[in-house]
């Protein structure tokens, strides 16, 4: 499943970059997909190469030193996707600069890092759930306001809509079941997202070449 996930993520990102070359309004989509691909690779390296061996050694004790730093980097990258989805929705559907979302993200990452080791395990999972709820409320709110405005949808709106739908499925699936124990379901949702985005971007490229 993981090779398929990375292959589809890379393909969707590459196609989004091609679309963004001709349609500047699609650049936020390409940026978010690129971030998602890069951050997932880095997080996987950190989890498998640093955190997993460290957990086996400390037997449940809090991380210290550079291992703790790696843990905070992995956490910041994970939260960054949620913030990125909210920022994308604000920019695409509300046509506003998402500086507020960025500011909240910086504060949240700082609080999670400063609050360690309190924020770990079950409590960290609850914090992630609260952040996902906040990001989803922002995203869905922007989407609904745009839809009610009656504006004609374009490629970036459709792509952003699929991303928001995927985040909604994340909330009712992996986050409800336990984000640390439902990685396979989360990957399945992401694979479905990329499968949905590829034809959307492919059609946009094809129309450009007509």
C-alpha atoms as a PDB file:
ATOM      1  CA  UNK A   1       0.000   0.000   0.000  1.00  0.00           C
ATOM      2  CA  UNK A   2       2.810   2.426   0.864  1.00  0.00           C
ATOM      3  CA  UNK A   3       4.525   2.258  -2.577  1.00  0.00           C
ATOM      4  CA  UNK A   4       1.153   2.866  -4.244  1.00  0.00           C
ATOM      5  CA  UNK A   5       0.484   5.800  -1.917  1.00  0.00           C
ATOM      6  CA  UNK A   6       3.805   7.453  -2.707  1.00  0.00           C
ATOM      7  CA  UNK A   7       3.488   6.781  -6.430  1.00  0.00           C
ATOM      8  CA  UNK A   8       0.015   8.326  -6.603  1.00  0.00           C
ATOM      9  CA  UNK A   9       1.050  11.227  -4.377  1.00  0.00           C
ATOM     10  CA  UNK A  10       4.030  11.965  -6.615  1.00  0.00           C
ATOM     11  CA  UNK A  11       1.878  11.701  -9.749  1.00  0.00           C
ATOM     12  CA  UNK A  12      -0.832  14.006  -8.370  1.00  0.00           C
ATOM     13  CA  UNK A  13       1.820  16.501  -7.265  1.00  0.00           C
ATOM     14  CA  UNK A  14       3.588  16.441 -10.632  1.00  0.00           C
ATOM     15  CA  UNK A  15       0.337  16.952 -12.533  1.00  0.00           C
ATOM     16  CA  UNK A  16      -0.644  19.789 -10.186  1.00  0.00           C
ATOM     17  CA  UNK A  17       2.686  21.483 -10.907  1.00  0.00           C
ATOM     18  CA  UNK A  18       2.059  21.199 -14.653  1.00  0.00           C
ATOM     19  CA  UNK A  19      -1.408  22.712 -14.252  1.00  0.00           C
ATOM     20  CA  UNK A  20       0.011  25.490 -12.047  1.00  0.00           C
ATOM     21  CA  UNK A  21       2.446  26.493 -14.794  1.00  0.00           C
ATOM     22  CA  UNK A  22      -0.476  27.605 -16.938  1.00  0.00           C
ATOM     23  CA  UNK A  23      -2.973  28.424 -14.194  1.00  0.00           C
ATOM     24  CA  UNK A  24      -1.451  30.413 -11.322  1.00  0.00           C
ATOM     25  CA  UNK A  25      -4.625  29.944  -9.299  1.00  0.00           C
ATOM     26  CA  UNK A  26      -3.746  26.236  -9.079  1.00  0.00           C
ATOM     27  CA  UNK A  27      -0.397  26.869  -7.374  1.00  0.00           C
ATOM     28  CA  UNK A  28      -1.773  26.476  -3.824  1.00  0.00           C
ATOM     29  CA  UNK A  29      -2.961  22.984  -4.762  1.00  0.00           C
ATOM     30  CA  UNK A  30       0.492  22.092  -6.076  1.00  0.00           C
ATOM     31  CA  UNK A  31       2.157  23.525  -2.965  1.00  0.00           C
ATOM     32  CA  UNK A  32      -0.052  21.573  -0.579  1.00  0.00           C
ATOM     33  CA  UNK A  33       0.336  18.305  -2.484  1.00  0.00           C
ATOM     34  CA  UNK A  34       4.089  18.830  -2.672  1.00  0.00           C
ATOM     35  CA  UNK A  35       4.185  19.481   1.056  1.00  0.00           C
ATOM     36  CA  UNK A  36       2.094  16.386   1.716  1.00  0.00           C
ATOM     37  CA  UNK A  37       4.443  14.163  -0.294  1.00  0.00           C
ATOM     38  CA  UNK A  38       7.673  15.586   1.157  1.00  0.00           C
ATOM     39  CA  UNK A  39       6.439  15.729   4.745  1.00  0.00           C
ATOM     40  CA  UNK A  40       5.122  12.175   4.644  1.00  0.00           C
ATOM     41  CA  UNK A  41       8.486  10.871   3.446  1.00  0.00           C
ATOM     42  CA  UNK A  42      10.361  12.815   6.130  1.00  0.00           C
ATOM     43  CA  UNK A  43       7.913  11.746   8.848  1.00  0.00           C
ATOM     44  CA  UNK A  44       8.243   8.111   7.852  1.00  0.00           C
ATOM     45  CA  UNK A  45      12.035   8.323   8.025  1.00  0.00           C
ATOM     46  CA  UNK A  46      11.837   9.947  11.466  1.00  0.00           C
ATOM     47  CA  UNK A  47       9.311   7.426  12.789  1.00  0.00           C
ATOM     48  CA  UNK A  48      11.127   4.339  11.564  1.00  0.00           C
ATOM     49  CA  UNK A  49      14.728   5.519  11.855  1.00  0.00           C
ATOM     50  CA  UNK A  50      14.596   7.534  15.085  1.00  0.00           C
ATOM     51  CA  UNK A  51      11.409   7.291  17.123  1.00  0.00           C
ATOM     52  CA  UNK A  52      10.704   3.550  16.887  1.00  0.00           C
ATOM     53  CA  UNK A  53      14.200   2.492  18.059  1.00  0.00           C
ATOM     54  CA  UNK A  54      14.126   5.175  20.771  1.00  0.00           C
ATOM     55  CA  UNK A  55      10.780   3.946  22.105  1.00  0.00           C
ATOM     56  CA  UNK A  56      12.180   0.433  22.390  1.00  0.00           C
ATOM     57  CA  UNK A  57      15.090   1.765  24.454  1.00  0.00           C
ATOM     58  CA  UNK A  58      13.304   4.184  26.800  1.00  0.00           C
ATOM     59  CA  UNK A  59      10.368   1.812  27.482  1.00  0.00           C
ATOM     60  CA  UNK A  60       7.724   4.531  27.727  1.00  0.00           C
ATOM     61  CA  UNK A  61       9.848   7.281  29.245  1.00  0.00           C
ATOM     62  CA  UNK A  62       9.773  10.748  27.624  1.00  0.00           C
ATOM     63  CA  UNK A  63      12.183  11.473  24.808  1.00  0.00           C
ATOM     64  CA  UNK A  64      15.168  13.701  25.477  1.00  0.00           C
ATOM     65  CA  UNK A  65      17.835  15.468  23.449  1.00  0.00           C
ATOM     66  CA  UNK A  66      17.891  15.150  19.702  1.00  0.00           C
ATOM     67  CA  UNK A  67      15.282  12.355  19.757  1.00  0.00           C
ATOM     68  CA  UNK A  68      12.809  14.768  21.370  1.00  0.00           C
ATOM     69  CA  UNK A  69      13.701  17.344  18.713  1.00  0.00           C
ATOM     70  CA  UNK A  70      12.982  14.772  15.988  1.00  0.00           C
ATOM     71  CA  UNK A  71       9.660  13.973  17.675  1.00  0.00           C
ATOM     72  CA  UNK A  72       8.653  17.652  17.589  1.00  0.00           C
ATOM     73  CA  UNK A  73       9.641  17.924  13.921  1.00  0.00           C
ATOM     74  CA  UNK A  74       7.484  14.906  13.083  1.00  0.00           C
ATOM     75  CA  UNK A  75       4.584  16.394  15.042  1.00  0.00           C
ATOM     76  CA  UNK A  76       4.948  19.809  13.381  1.00  0.00           C
ATOM     77  CA  UNK A  77       4.912  18.211   9.931  1.00  0.00           C
ATOM     78  CA  UNK A  78       1.795  16.220  10.799  1.00  0.00           C
ATOM     79  CA  UNK A  79      -0.054  19.286  12.086  1.00  0.00           C
ATOM     80  CA  UNK A  80       1.219  21.200   9.063  1.00  0.00           C
ATOM     81  CA  UNK A  81      -0.994  19.173   6.718  1.00  0.00           C
ATOM     82  CA  UNK A  82      -4.104  20.078   8.737  1.00  0.00           C
ATOM     83  CA  UNK A  83      -3.113  23.733   8.745  1.00  0.00           C
ATOM     84  CA  UNK A  84      -2.339  23.529   5.042  1.00  0.00           C
ATOM     85  CA  UNK A  85      -5.807  22.215   4.208  1.00  0.00           C
ATOM     86  CA  UNK A  86      -7.425  25.024   6.214  1.00  0.00           C
ATOM     87  CA  UNK A  87      -5.155  27.619   4.589  1.00  0.00           C
ATOM     88  CA  UNK A  88      -5.933  26.209   1.142  1.00  0.00           C
ATOM     89  CA  UNK A  89      -9.682  26.468   1.765  1.00  0.00           C
ATOM     90  CA  UNK A  90      -9.357  30.060   2.977  1.00  0.00           C
ATOM     91  CA  UNK A  91      -7.323  31.023  -0.081  1.00  0.00           C
ATOM     92  CA  UNK A  92      -9.277  29.105  -2.742  1.00  0.00           C
ATOM     93  CA  UNK A  93     -12.828  29.514  -1.521  1.00  0.00           C
ATOM     94  CA  UNK A  94     -12.651  32.827   0.368  1.00  0.00           C
ATOM     95  CA  UNK A  95      -9.933  34.489  -1.726  1.00  0.00           C
ATOM     96  CA  UNK A  96      -8.154  35.688   1.392  1.00  0.00           C
ATOM     97  CA  UNK A  97      -4.551  35.395   2.491  1.00  0.00           C
ATOM     98  CA  UNK A  98      -4.404  32.664   5.160  1.00  0.00           C
ATOM     99  CA  UNK A  99      -2.046  34.523   7.499  1.00  0.00           C
ATOM    100  CA  UNK A 100      -4.356  33.830  10.443  1.00  0.00           C
ATOM    101  CA  UNK A 101      -4.105  30.087   9.844  1.00  0.00           C
ATOM    102  CA  UNK A 102      -0.308  30.343   9.686  1.00  0.00           C
ATOM    103  CA  UNK A 103      -0.209  32.275  12.958  1.00  0.00           C
ATOM    104  CA  UNK A 104      -2.385  29.696  14.712  1.00  0.00           C
ATOM    105  CA  UNK A 105      -0.192  26.900  13.349  1.00  0.00           C
ATOM    106  CA  UNK A 106       2.969  28.471  14.764  1.00  0.00           C
ATOM    107  CA  UNK A 107       1.328  28.927  18.167  1.00  0.00           C
ATOM    108  CA  UNK A 108       0.002  25.353  18.210  1.00  0.00           C
ATOM    109  CA  UNK A 109       3.388  23.839  17.327  1.00  0.00           C
ATOM    110  CA  UNK A 110       5.037  25.933  20.048  1.00  0.00           C
ATOM    111  CA  UNK A 111       2.450  24.887  22.644  1.00  0.00           C
ATOM    112  CA  UNK A 112       2.765  21.188  21.782  1.00  0.00           C
ATOM    113  CA  UNK A 113       6.552  21.378  22.005  1.00  0.00           C
ATOM    114  CA  UNK A 114       6.592  23.399  25.232  1.00  0.00           C
ATOM    115  CA  UNK A 115       3.958  21.138  26.790  1.00  0.00           C
ATOM    116  CA  UNK A 116       5.946  17.962  26.265  1.00  0.00           C
ATOM    117  CA  UNK A 117       5.947  15.396  27.878  1.00  0.00           C
ATOM    118  CA  UNK A 118       2.356  16.206  28.854  1.00  0.00           C
ATOM    119  CA  UNK A 119       1.366  16.191  25.174  1.00  0.00           C
ATOM    120  CA  UNK A 120       2.135  12.613  24.219  1.00  0.00           C
ATOM    121  CA  UNK A 121       0.235   9.386  23.877  1.00  0.00           C
ATOM    122  CA  UNK A 122      -3.498   9.663  24.401  1.00  0.00           C
ATOM    123  CA  UNK A 123      -3.447  13.378  25.219  1.00  0.00           C
ATOM    124  CA  UNK A 124      -1.492  14.147  22.049  1.00  0.00           C
ATOM    125  CA  UNK A 125      -4.070  12.159  20.088  1.00  0.00           C
ATOM    126  CA  UNK A 126      -6.842  14.272  21.603  1.00  0.00           C
ATOM    127  CA  UNK A 127      -4.928  17.437  20.719  1.00  0.00           C
ATOM    128  CA  UNK A 128      -4.600  16.236  17.122  1.00  0.00           C
ATOM    129  CA  UNK A 129      -8.335  15.500  17.040  1.00  0.00           C
ATOM    130  CA  UNK A 130      -9.130  19.021  18.279  1.00  0.00           C
ATOM    131  CA  UNK A 131      -6.834  20.509  15.650  1.00  0.00           C
ATOM    132  CA  UNK A 132      -8.410  18.381  12.921  1.00  0.00           C
ATOM    133  CA  UNK A 133     -11.850  19.559  14.015  1.00  0.00           C
ATOM    134  CA  UNK A 134     -10.745  23.186  13.902  1.00  0.00           C
ATOM    135  CA  UNK A 135      -9.141  22.761  10.473  1.00  0.00           C
ATOM    136  CA  UNK A 136     -12.197  20.957   9.140  1.00  0.00           C
ATOM    137  CA  UNK A 137     -14.633  23.562  10.487  1.00  0.00           C
ATOM    138  CA  UNK A 138     -12.594  26.270   8.776  1.00  0.00           C
ATOM    139  CA  UNK A 139     -12.366  24.334   5.513  1.00  0.00           C
ATOM    140  CA  UNK A 140     -16.004  23.269   5.334  1.00  0.00           C
ATOM    141  CA  UNK A 141     -17.157  26.753   6.330  1.00  0.00           C
ATOM    142  CA  UNK A 142     -15.192  28.334   3.488  1.00  0.00           C
ATOM    143  CA  UNK A 143     -16.440  25.680   1.064  1.00  0.00           C
ATOM    144  CA  UNK A 144     -20.076  26.231   2.021  1.00  0.00           C
ATOM    145  CA  UNK A 145     -19.821  30.016   1.781  1.00  0.00           C
ATOM    146  CA  UNK A 146     -18.281  29.676  -1.684  1.00  0.00           C
ATOM    147  CA  UNK A 147     -20.965  27.196  -2.773  1.00  0.00           C
ATOM    148  CA  UNK A 148     -23.784  29.418  -1.541  1.00  0.00           C
ATOM    149  CA  UNK A 149     -22.232  32.344  -3.404  1.00  0.00           C
ATOM    150  CA  UNK A 150     -23.037  30.616  -6.690  1.00  0.00           C
ATOM    151  CA  UNK A 151     -19.580  31.117  -8.217  1.00  0.00           C
ATOM    152  CA  UNK A 152     -18.741  28.875 -11.153  1.00  0.00           C
ATOM    153  CA  UNK A 153     -16.387  26.114 -10.112  1.00  0.00           C
ATOM    154  CA  UNK A 154     -12.960  25.745 -11.704  1.00  0.00           C
ATOM    155  CA  UNK A 155     -10.212  23.136 -11.492  1.00  0.00           C
ATOM    156  CA  UNK A 156      -8.762  24.520  -8.258  1.00  0.00           C
ATOM    157  CA  UNK A 157     -12.190  24.508  -6.609  1.00  0.00           C
ATOM    158  CA  UNK A 158     -12.811  20.887  -7.546  1.00  0.00           C
ATOM    159  CA  UNK A 159      -9.356  19.815  -6.381  1.00  0.00           C
ATOM    160  CA  UNK A 160      -9.684  21.723  -3.101  1.00  0.00           C
ATOM    161  CA  UNK A 161     -13.143  20.215  -2.621  1.00  0.00           C
ATOM    162  CA  UNK A 162     -11.757  16.687  -2.939  1.00  0.00           C
ATOM    163  CA  UNK A 163      -9.083  17.518  -0.366  1.00  0.00           C
ATOM    164  CA  UNK A 164     -11.674  18.842   2.090  1.00  0.00           C
ATOM    165  CA  UNK A 165     -13.799  15.719   1.565  1.00  0.00           C
ATOM    166  CA  UNK A 166     -10.751  13.539   2.288  1.00  0.00           C
ATOM    167  CA  UNK A 167     -10.161  15.440   5.534  1.00  0.00           C
ATOM    168  CA  UNK A 168     -13.803  14.894   6.482  1.00  0.00           C
ATOM    169  CA  UNK A 169     -13.360  11.158   5.945  1.00  0.00           C
ATOM    170  CA  UNK A 170     -10.220  11.299   8.092  1.00  0.00           C
ATOM    171  CA  UNK A 171     -12.293  12.718  10.931  1.00  0.00           C
ATOM    172  CA  UNK A 172     -15.028  10.084  10.776  1.00  0.00           C
ATOM    173  CA  UNK A 173     -12.493   7.308  10.196  1.00  0.00           C
ATOM    174  CA  UNK A 174      -8.917   7.302  11.528  1.00  0.00           C
ATOM    175  CA  UNK A 175      -9.404  10.102  14.049  1.00  0.00           C
ATOM    176  CA  UNK A 176     -12.519   8.453  15.484  1.00  0.00           C
ATOM    177  CA  UNK A 177     -10.863   5.033  15.672  1.00  0.00           C
ATOM    178  CA  UNK A 178      -7.543   6.365  16.996  1.00  0.00           C
ATOM    179  CA  UNK A 179      -5.086   8.131  14.737  1.00  0.00           C
ATOM    180  CA  UNK A 180      -2.119   6.149  16.059  1.00  0.00           C
ATOM    181  CA  UNK A 181      -3.777   2.796  15.350  1.00  0.00           C
ATOM    182  CA  UNK A 182      -5.556   3.413  12.043  1.00  0.00           C
ATOM    183  CA  UNK A 183      -2.726   4.264   9.676  1.00  0.00           C
ATOM    184  CA  UNK A 184      -3.899   1.756   7.059  1.00  0.00           C
ATOM    185  CA  UNK A 185      -7.316   3.407   6.840  1.00  0.00           C
ATOM    186  CA  UNK A 186      -5.704   6.849   6.646  1.00  0.00           C
ATOM    187  CA  UNK A 187      -3.510   5.674   3.780  1.00  0.00           C
ATOM    188  CA  UNK A 188      -6.534   4.244   1.975  1.00  0.00           C
ATOM    189  CA  UNK A 189      -8.298   7.602   2.203  1.00  0.00           C
ATOM    190  CA  UNK A 190      -5.235   9.394   0.855  1.00  0.00           C
ATOM    191  CA  UNK A 191      -4.943   6.915  -2.016  1.00  0.00           C
ATOM    192  CA  UNK A 192      -8.582   7.581  -2.886  1.00  0.00           C
ATOM    193  CA  UNK A 193      -7.874  11.324  -2.760  1.00  0.00           C
ATOM    194  CA  UNK A 194      -4.962  11.087  -5.183  1.00  0.00           C
ATOM    195  CA  UNK A 195      -6.922   8.804  -7.508  1.00  0.00           C
ATOM    196  CA  UNK A 196      -9.628  11.491  -7.593  1.00  0.00           C
ATOM    197  CA  UNK A 197      -7.180  14.331  -8.210  1.00  0.00           C
ATOM    198  CA  UNK A 198      -5.230  12.717 -11.051  1.00  0.00           C
ATOM    199  CA  UNK A 199      -8.059  12.778 -13.641  1.00  0.00           C
ATOM    200  CA  UNK A 200      -9.089  16.310 -12.601  1.00  0.00           C
ATOM    201  CA  UNK A 201      -5.581  17.582 -13.232  1.00  0.00           C
ATOM    202  CA  UNK A 202      -5.180  15.403 -16.297  1.00  0.00           C
ATOM    203  CA  UNK A 203      -8.277  16.917 -17.900  1.00  0.00           C
ATOM    204  CA  UNK A 204      -7.019  20.424 -17.087  1.00  0.00           C
ATOM    205  CA  UNK A 205      -3.714  19.653 -18.824  1.00  0.00           C
ATOM    206  CA  UNK A 206      -5.492  18.062 -21.813  1.00  0.00           C
ATOM    207  CA  UNK A 207      -7.730  21.085 -22.276  1.00  0.00           C
ATOM    208  CA  UNK A 208      -4.679  23.294 -22.206  1.00  0.00           C
ATOM    209  CA  UNK A 209      -3.078  21.345 -25.037  1.00  0.00           C
ATOM    210  CA  UNK A 210      -6.154  21.335 -27.266  1.00  0.00           C
END
